[in-house]
Amino acid sequence: MCRSIKTLRPPALPEEATEEDIRAAALQFVRKVSGFRAPAAHNREVFDRAVDEVAEATARLLDGLEIRGGARAS
């Protein structure tokens, strides 16, 4: 896994993850999986779509997580 992706849920992140935090993690994940830091022009659309989809899935995950004691992560 990408070592530069940080945990985005409490208590690892003291406050709620921002959209920017989520997008940065999604970008790092797609970079790692694709093997490209920046895709060529002919791959840009699929690369950007993957980042969007991973960010959306991450936001849903964080929204649905329950932390011990019943507190929600977001």
PDB file of N, CA and C in Angstrom:
ATOM      1  N   MET A   1       0.835  -1.183   0.000  1.00  0.00           N
ATOM      2  CA  MET A   1       0.000   0.000   0.000  1.00  0.00           C
ATOM      3  C   MET A   1       0.874   1.238   0.000  1.00  0.00           C
ATOM      4  N   CYS A   2       0.325   2.327  -0.460  1.00  0.00           N
ATOM      5  CA  CYS A   2       1.065   3.583  -0.506  1.00  0.00           C
ATOM      6  C   CYS A   2       1.378   4.054   0.904  1.00  0.00           C
ATOM      7  N   ARG A   3       2.606   4.283   1.172  1.00  0.00           N
ATOM      8  CA  ARG A   3       2.985   4.761   2.501  1.00  0.00           C
ATOM      9  C   ARG A   3       2.606   6.212   2.704  1.00  0.00           C
ATOM     10  N   SER A   4       2.378   6.949   1.606  1.00  0.00           N
ATOM     11  CA  SER A   4       2.035   8.359   1.748  1.00  0.00           C
ATOM     12  C   SER A   4       0.534   8.585   1.956  1.00  0.00           C
ATOM     13  N   ILE A   5      -0.264   7.523   1.901  1.00  0.00           N
ATOM     14  CA  ILE A   5      -1.684   7.669   2.184  1.00  0.00           C
ATOM     15  C   ILE A   5      -1.864   7.571   3.689  1.00  0.00           C
ATOM     16  N   LYS A   6      -2.468   8.609   4.281  1.00  0.00           N
ATOM     17  CA  LYS A   6      -2.651   8.609   5.726  1.00  0.00           C
ATOM     18  C   LYS A   6      -4.051   8.120   6.081  1.00  0.00           C
ATOM     19  N   THR A   7      -4.191   7.656   7.306  1.00  0.00           N
ATOM     20  CA  THR A   7      -5.497   7.246   7.804  1.00  0.00           C
ATOM     21  C   THR A   7      -6.373   8.484   7.934  1.00  0.00           C
ATOM     22  N   LEU A   8      -7.605   8.399   7.438  1.00  0.00           N
ATOM     23  CA  LEU A   8      -8.469   9.570   7.392  1.00  0.00           C
ATOM     24  C   LEU A   8      -9.605   9.537   8.400  1.00  0.00           C
ATOM     25  N   ARG A   9      -9.592   8.602   9.321  1.00  0.00           N
ATOM     26  CA  ARG A   9     -10.664   8.552  10.314  1.00  0.00           C
ATOM     27  C   ARG A   9     -10.101   8.836  11.695  1.00  0.00           C
ATOM     28  N   PRO A  10     -10.955   9.345  12.578  1.00  0.00           N
ATOM     29  CA  PRO A  10     -10.525   9.554  13.959  1.00  0.00           C
ATOM     30  C   PRO A  10     -10.220   8.213  14.613  1.00  0.00           C
ATOM     31  N   PRO A  11      -9.342   8.111  15.522  1.00  0.00           N
ATOM     32  CA  PRO A  11      -8.558   9.198  16.116  1.00  0.00           C
ATOM     33  C   PRO A  11      -7.273   9.507  15.367  1.00  0.00           C
ATOM     34  N   ALA A  12      -6.961   8.782  14.296  1.00  0.00           N
ATOM     35  CA  ALA A  12      -5.728   9.067  13.550  1.00  0.00           C
ATOM     36  C   ALA A  12      -5.731  10.480  12.993  1.00  0.00           C
ATOM     37  N   LEU A  13      -6.868  10.941  12.554  1.00  0.00           N
ATOM     38  CA  LEU A  13      -7.042  12.318  12.092  1.00  0.00           C
ATOM     39  C   LEU A  13      -7.978  12.981  13.088  1.00  0.00           C
ATOM     40  N   PRO A  14      -7.493  13.957  13.835  1.00  0.00           N
ATOM     41  CA  PRO A  14      -8.297  14.506  14.937  1.00  0.00           C
ATOM     42  C   PRO A  14      -9.608  15.162  14.499  1.00  0.00           C
ATOM     43  N   GLU A  15      -9.645  15.713  13.289  1.00  0.00           N
ATOM     44  CA  GLU A  15     -10.880  16.327  12.811  1.00  0.00           C
ATOM     45  C   GLU A  15     -11.382  15.539  11.607  1.00  0.00           C
ATOM     46  N   GLU A  16     -12.558  15.874  11.140  1.00  0.00           N
ATOM     47  CA  GLU A  16     -13.139  15.193   9.985  1.00  0.00           C
ATOM     48  C   GLU A  16     -12.259  15.400   8.760  1.00  0.00           C
ATOM     49  N   ALA A  17     -12.089  14.345   7.971  1.00  0.00           N
ATOM     50  CA  ALA A  17     -11.298  14.445   6.745  1.00  0.00           C
ATOM     51  C   ALA A  17     -11.966  15.422   5.782  1.00  0.00           C
ATOM     52  N   THR A  18     -11.166  16.259   5.174  1.00  0.00           N
ATOM     53  CA  THR A  18     -11.698  17.217   4.209  1.00  0.00           C
ATOM     54  C   THR A  18     -11.793  16.554   2.836  1.00  0.00           C
ATOM     55  N   GLU A  19     -12.524  17.183   1.949  1.00  0.00           N
ATOM     56  CA  GLU A  19     -12.609  16.703   0.569  1.00  0.00           C
ATOM     57  C   GLU A  19     -11.208  16.674  -0.050  1.00  0.00           C
ATOM     58  N   GLU A  20     -10.390  17.643   0.309  1.00  0.00           N
ATOM     59  CA  GLU A  20      -9.008  17.697  -0.191  1.00  0.00           C
ATOM     60  C   GLU A  20      -8.193  16.504   0.316  1.00  0.00           C
ATOM     61  N   ASP A  21      -8.345  16.142   1.591  1.00  0.00           N
ATOM     62  CA  ASP A  21      -7.656  14.971   2.156  1.00  0.00           C
ATOM     63  C   ASP A  21      -8.056  13.698   1.411  1.00  0.00           C
ATOM     64  N   ILE A  22      -9.357  13.562   1.173  1.00  0.00           N
ATOM     65  CA  ILE A  22      -9.885  12.368   0.511  1.00  0.00           C
ATOM     66  C   ILE A  22      -9.383  12.295  -0.925  1.00  0.00           C
ATOM     67  N   ARG A  23      -9.406  13.399  -1.631  1.00  0.00           N
ATOM     68  CA  ARG A  23      -8.949  13.414  -3.025  1.00  0.00           C
ATOM     69  C   ARG A  23      -7.447  13.128  -3.114  1.00  0.00           C
ATOM     70  N   ALA A  24      -6.659  13.659  -2.190  1.00  0.00           N
ATOM     71  CA  ALA A  24      -5.214  13.408  -2.198  1.00  0.00           C
ATOM     72  C   ALA A  24      -4.931  11.920  -1.983  1.00  0.00           C
ATOM     73  N   ALA A  25      -5.668  11.287  -1.093  1.00  0.00           N
ATOM     74  CA  ALA A  25      -5.483   9.858  -0.865  1.00  0.00           C
ATOM     75  C   ALA A  25      -5.897   9.059  -2.098  1.00  0.00           C
ATOM     76  N   ALA A  26      -6.992   9.454  -2.730  1.00  0.00           N
ATOM     77  CA  ALA A  26      -7.456   8.767  -3.937  1.00  0.00           C
ATOM     78  C   ALA A  26      -6.429   8.902  -5.057  1.00  0.00           C
ATOM     79  N   LEU A  27      -5.863  10.070  -5.210  1.00  0.00           N
ATOM     80  CA  LEU A  27      -4.840  10.294  -6.233  1.00  0.00           C
ATOM     81  C   LEU A  27      -3.631   9.406  -5.986  1.00  0.00           C
ATOM     82  N   GLN A  28      -3.168   9.335  -4.753  1.00  0.00           N
ATOM     83  CA  GLN A  28      -2.023   8.489  -4.425  1.00  0.00           C
ATOM     84  C   GLN A  28      -2.320   7.020  -4.715  1.00  0.00           C
ATOM     85  N   PHE A  29      -3.536   6.579  -4.399  1.00  0.00           N
ATOM     86  CA  PHE A  29      -3.920   5.196  -4.653  1.00  0.00           C
ATOM     87  C   PHE A  29      -3.908   4.898  -6.158  1.00  0.00           C
ATOM     88  N   VAL A  30      -4.506   5.772  -6.949  1.00  0.00           N
ATOM     89  CA  VAL A  30      -4.556   5.553  -8.396  1.00  0.00           C
ATOM     90  C   VAL A  30      -3.159   5.618  -8.998  1.00  0.00           C
ATOM     91  N   ARG A  31      -2.328   6.509  -8.514  1.00  0.00           N
ATOM     92  CA  ARG A  31      -0.930   6.553  -8.979  1.00  0.00           C
ATOM     93  C   ARG A  31      -0.229   5.231  -8.712  1.00  0.00           C
ATOM     94  N   LYS A  32      -0.411   4.700  -7.518  1.00  0.00           N
ATOM     95  CA  LYS A  32       0.251   3.461  -7.141  1.00  0.00           C
ATOM     96  C   LYS A  32      -0.234   2.294  -7.993  1.00  0.00           C
ATOM     97  N   VAL A  33      -1.545   2.176  -8.128  1.00  0.00           N
ATOM     98  CA  VAL A  33      -2.126   1.058  -8.870  1.00  0.00           C
ATOM     99  C   VAL A  33      -1.768   1.139 -10.355  1.00  0.00           C
ATOM    100  N   SER A  34      -1.809   2.344 -10.926  1.00  0.00           N
ATOM    101  CA  SER A  34      -1.549   2.492 -12.364  1.00  0.00           C
ATOM    102  C   SER A  34      -0.059   2.485 -12.695  1.00  0.00           C
ATOM    103  N   GLY A  35       0.760   2.859 -11.722  1.00  0.00           N
ATOM    104  CA  GLY A  35       2.193   2.954 -11.985  1.00  0.00           C
ATOM    105  C   GLY A  35       2.598   4.266 -12.641  1.00  0.00           C
ATOM    106  N   PHE A  36       1.658   5.207 -12.745  1.00  0.00           N
ATOM    107  CA  PHE A  36       1.929   6.503 -13.355  1.00  0.00           C
ATOM    108  C   PHE A  36       1.769   7.618 -12.337  1.00  0.00           C
ATOM    109  N   ARG A  37       2.782   8.477 -12.257  1.00  0.00           N
ATOM    110  CA  ARG A  37       2.653   9.665 -11.413  1.00  0.00           C
ATOM    111  C   ARG A  37       1.714  10.653 -12.086  1.00  0.00           C
ATOM    112  N   ALA A  38       1.904  10.810 -13.379  1.00  0.00           N
ATOM    113  CA  ALA A  38       1.026  11.653 -14.194  1.00  0.00           C
ATOM    114  C   ALA A  38       0.793  10.889 -15.496  1.00  0.00           C
ATOM    115  N   PRO A  39      -0.450  10.635 -15.845  1.00  0.00           N
ATOM    116  CA  PRO A  39      -0.718   9.846 -17.040  1.00  0.00           C
ATOM    117  C   PRO A  39      -0.462  10.632 -18.323  1.00  0.00           C
ATOM    118  N   ALA A  40      -0.203   9.906 -19.397  1.00  0.00           N
ATOM    119  CA  ALA A  40      -0.091  10.522 -20.717  1.00  0.00           C
ATOM    120  C   ALA A  40      -1.461  11.074 -21.104  1.00  0.00           C
ATOM    121  N   ALA A  41      -1.466  11.974 -22.047  1.00  0.00           N
ATOM    122  CA  ALA A  41      -2.713  12.623 -22.471  1.00  0.00           C
ATOM    123  C   ALA A  41      -3.786  11.610 -22.851  1.00  0.00           C
ATOM    124  N   HIS A  42      -3.391  10.524 -23.503  1.00  0.00           N
ATOM    125  CA  HIS A  42      -4.386   9.545 -23.944  1.00  0.00           C
ATOM    126  C   HIS A  42      -4.952   8.718 -22.782  1.00  0.00           C
ATOM    127  N   ASN A  43      -4.357   8.793 -21.604  1.00  0.00           N
ATOM    128  CA  ASN A  43      -4.863   8.088 -20.421  1.00  0.00           C
ATOM    129  C   ASN A  43      -5.461   9.034 -19.379  1.00  0.00           C
ATOM    130  N   ARG A  44      -5.414  10.321 -19.624  1.00  0.00           N
ATOM    131  CA  ARG A  44      -5.837  11.316 -18.630  1.00  0.00           C
ATOM    132  C   ARG A  44      -7.293  11.124 -18.202  1.00  0.00           C
ATOM    133  N   GLU A  45      -8.195  10.916 -19.143  1.00  0.00           N
ATOM    134  CA  GLU A  45      -9.620  10.812 -18.807  1.00  0.00           C
ATOM    135  C   GLU A  45      -9.893   9.621 -17.882  1.00  0.00           C
ATOM    136  N   VAL A  46      -9.357   8.466 -18.222  1.00  0.00           N
ATOM    137  CA  VAL A  46      -9.608   7.276 -17.396  1.00  0.00           C
ATOM    138  C   VAL A  46      -8.921   7.410 -16.038  1.00  0.00           C
ATOM    139  N   PHE A  47      -7.748   8.023 -16.007  1.00  0.00           N
ATOM    140  CA  PHE A  47      -7.026   8.252 -14.759  1.00  0.00           C
ATOM    141  C   PHE A  47      -7.838   9.173 -13.846  1.00  0.00           C
ATOM    142  N   ASP A  48      -8.298  10.298 -14.387  1.00  0.00           N
ATOM    143  CA  ASP A  48      -9.084  11.253 -13.595  1.00  0.00           C
ATOM    144  C   ASP A  48     -10.401  10.643 -13.121  1.00  0.00           C
ATOM    145  N   ARG A  49     -11.029   9.852 -13.972  1.00  0.00           N
ATOM    146  CA  ARG A  49     -12.281   9.196 -13.581  1.00  0.00           C
ATOM    147  C   ARG A  49     -12.040   8.226 -12.428  1.00  0.00           C
ATOM    148  N   ALA A  50     -10.926   7.505 -12.480  1.00  0.00           N
ATOM    149  CA  ALA A  50     -10.593   6.577 -11.396  1.00  0.00           C
ATOM    150  C   ALA A  50     -10.372   7.331 -10.089  1.00  0.00           C
ATOM    151  N   VAL A  51      -9.689   8.460 -10.142  1.00  0.00           N
ATOM    152  CA  VAL A  51      -9.473   9.263  -8.931  1.00  0.00           C
ATOM    153  C   VAL A  51     -10.818   9.709  -8.365  1.00  0.00           C
ATOM    154  N   ASP A  52     -11.713  10.174  -9.235  1.00  0.00           N
ATOM    155  CA  ASP A  52     -13.041  10.604  -8.780  1.00  0.00           C
ATOM    156  C   ASP A  52     -13.798   9.459  -8.116  1.00  0.00           C
ATOM    157  N   GLU A  53     -13.763   8.281  -8.728  1.00  0.00           N
ATOM    158  CA  GLU A  53     -14.509   7.134  -8.204  1.00  0.00           C
ATOM    159  C   GLU A  53     -13.932   6.644  -6.873  1.00  0.00           C
ATOM    160  N   VAL A  54     -12.607   6.630  -6.764  1.00  0.00           N
ATOM    161  CA  VAL A  54     -11.982   6.218  -5.501  1.00  0.00           C
ATOM    162  C   VAL A  54     -12.298   7.241  -4.408  1.00  0.00           C
ATOM    163  N   ALA A  55     -12.267   8.519  -4.747  1.00  0.00           N
ATOM    164  CA  ALA A  55     -12.591   9.560  -3.762  1.00  0.00           C
ATOM    165  C   ALA A  55     -14.036   9.417  -3.283  1.00  0.00           C
ATOM    166  N   GLU A  56     -14.958   9.163  -4.204  1.00  0.00           N
ATOM    167  CA  GLU A  56     -16.367   8.987  -3.829  1.00  0.00           C
ATOM    168  C   GLU A  56     -16.546   7.765  -2.927  1.00  0.00           C
ATOM    169  N   ALA A  57     -15.894   6.663  -3.273  1.00  0.00           N
ATOM    170  CA  ALA A  57     -15.994   5.457  -2.453  1.00  0.00           C
ATOM    171  C   ALA A  57     -15.389   5.697  -1.070  1.00  0.00           C
ATOM    172  N   THR A  58     -14.289   6.426  -1.018  1.00  0.00           N
ATOM    173  CA  THR A  58     -13.647   6.727   0.261  1.00  0.00           C
ATOM    174  C   THR A  58     -14.561   7.587   1.132  1.00  0.00           C
ATOM    175  N   ALA A  59     -15.183   8.587   0.541  1.00  0.00           N
ATOM    176  CA  ALA A  59     -16.094   9.452   1.297  1.00  0.00           C
ATOM    177  C   ALA A  59     -17.262   8.635   1.858  1.00  0.00           C
ATOM    178  N   ARG A  60     -17.819   7.718   1.039  1.00  0.00           N
ATOM    179  CA  ARG A  60     -18.915   6.865   1.526  1.00  0.00           C
ATOM    180  C   ARG A  60     -18.437   5.967   2.658  1.00  0.00           C
ATOM    181  N   LEU A  61     -17.247   5.413   2.516  1.00  0.00           N
ATOM    182  CA  LEU A  61     -16.687   4.558   3.564  1.00  0.00           C
ATOM    183  C   LEU A  61     -16.551   5.330   4.870  1.00  0.00           C
ATOM    184  N   LEU A  62     -15.932   6.493   4.809  1.00  0.00           N
ATOM    185  CA  LEU A  62     -15.723   7.288   6.026  1.00  0.00           C
ATOM    186  C   LEU A  62     -17.048   7.706   6.648  1.00  0.00           C
ATOM    187  N   ASP A  63     -18.026   8.015   5.808  1.00  0.00           N
ATOM    188  CA  ASP A  63     -19.336   8.415   6.310  1.00  0.00           C
ATOM    189  C   ASP A  63     -20.039   7.257   7.011  1.00  0.00           C
ATOM    190  N   GLY A  64     -19.802   6.047   6.554  1.00  0.00           N
ATOM    191  CA  GLY A  64     -20.486   4.891   7.116  1.00  0.00           C
ATOM    192  C   GLY A  64     -19.790   4.228   8.285  1.00  0.00           C
ATOM    193  N   LEU A  65     -18.517   4.540   8.508  1.00  0.00           N
ATOM    194  CA  LEU A  65     -17.784   3.912   9.607  1.00  0.00           C
ATOM    195  C   LEU A  65     -18.332   4.327  10.958  1.00  0.00           C
ATOM    196  N   GLU A  66     -18.379   3.388  11.863  1.00  0.00           N
ATOM    197  CA  GLU A  66     -18.729   3.689  13.246  1.00  0.00           C
ATOM    198  C   GLU A  66     -17.511   3.416  14.105  1.00  0.00           C
ATOM    199  N   ILE A  67     -17.152   4.408  14.877  1.00  0.00           N
ATOM    200  CA  ILE A  67     -15.999   4.301  15.773  1.00  0.00           C
ATOM    201  C   ILE A  67     -16.528   3.764  17.113  1.00  0.00           C
ATOM    202  N   ARG A  68     -15.694   3.030  17.830  1.00  0.00           N
ATOM    203  CA  ARG A  68     -16.129   2.482  19.137  1.00  0.00           C
ATOM    204  C   ARG A  68     -16.853   3.534  19.948  1.00  0.00           C
ATOM    205  N   GLY A  69     -17.912   3.118  20.576  1.00  0.00           N
ATOM    206  CA  GLY A  69     -18.735   4.030  21.359  1.00  0.00           C
ATOM    207  C   GLY A  69     -19.858   4.639  20.546  1.00  0.00           C
ATOM    208  N   GLY A  70     -19.966   4.249  19.274  1.00  0.00           N
ATOM    209  CA  GLY A  70     -21.067   4.699  18.452  1.00  0.00           C
ATOM    210  C   GLY A  70     -20.849   6.000  17.728  1.00  0.00           C
ATOM    211  N   ALA A  71     -19.721   6.663  17.926  1.00  0.00           N
ATOM    212  CA  ALA A  71     -19.462   7.919  17.211  1.00  0.00           C
ATOM    213  C   ALA A  71     -19.196   7.626  15.749  1.00  0.00           C
ATOM    214  N   ARG A  72     -19.716   8.442  14.870  1.00  0.00           N
ATOM    215  CA  ARG A  72     -19.482   8.272  13.436  1.00  0.00           C
ATOM    216  C   ARG A  72     -18.186   8.970  13.061  1.00  0.00           C
ATOM    217  N   ALA A  73     -17.515   8.434  12.060  1.00  0.00           N
ATOM    218  CA  ALA A  73     -16.234   8.985  11.623  1.00  0.00           C
ATOM    219  C   ALA A  73     -16.392  10.346  10.953  1.00  0.00           C
ATOM    220  N   SER A  74     -17.541  10.641  10.412  1.00  0.00           N
ATOM    221  CA  SER A  74     -17.710  11.934   9.743  1.00  0.00           C
ATOM    222  C   SER A  74     -19.030  12.565  10.116  1.00  0.00           C
TER     223      SER A  74
END
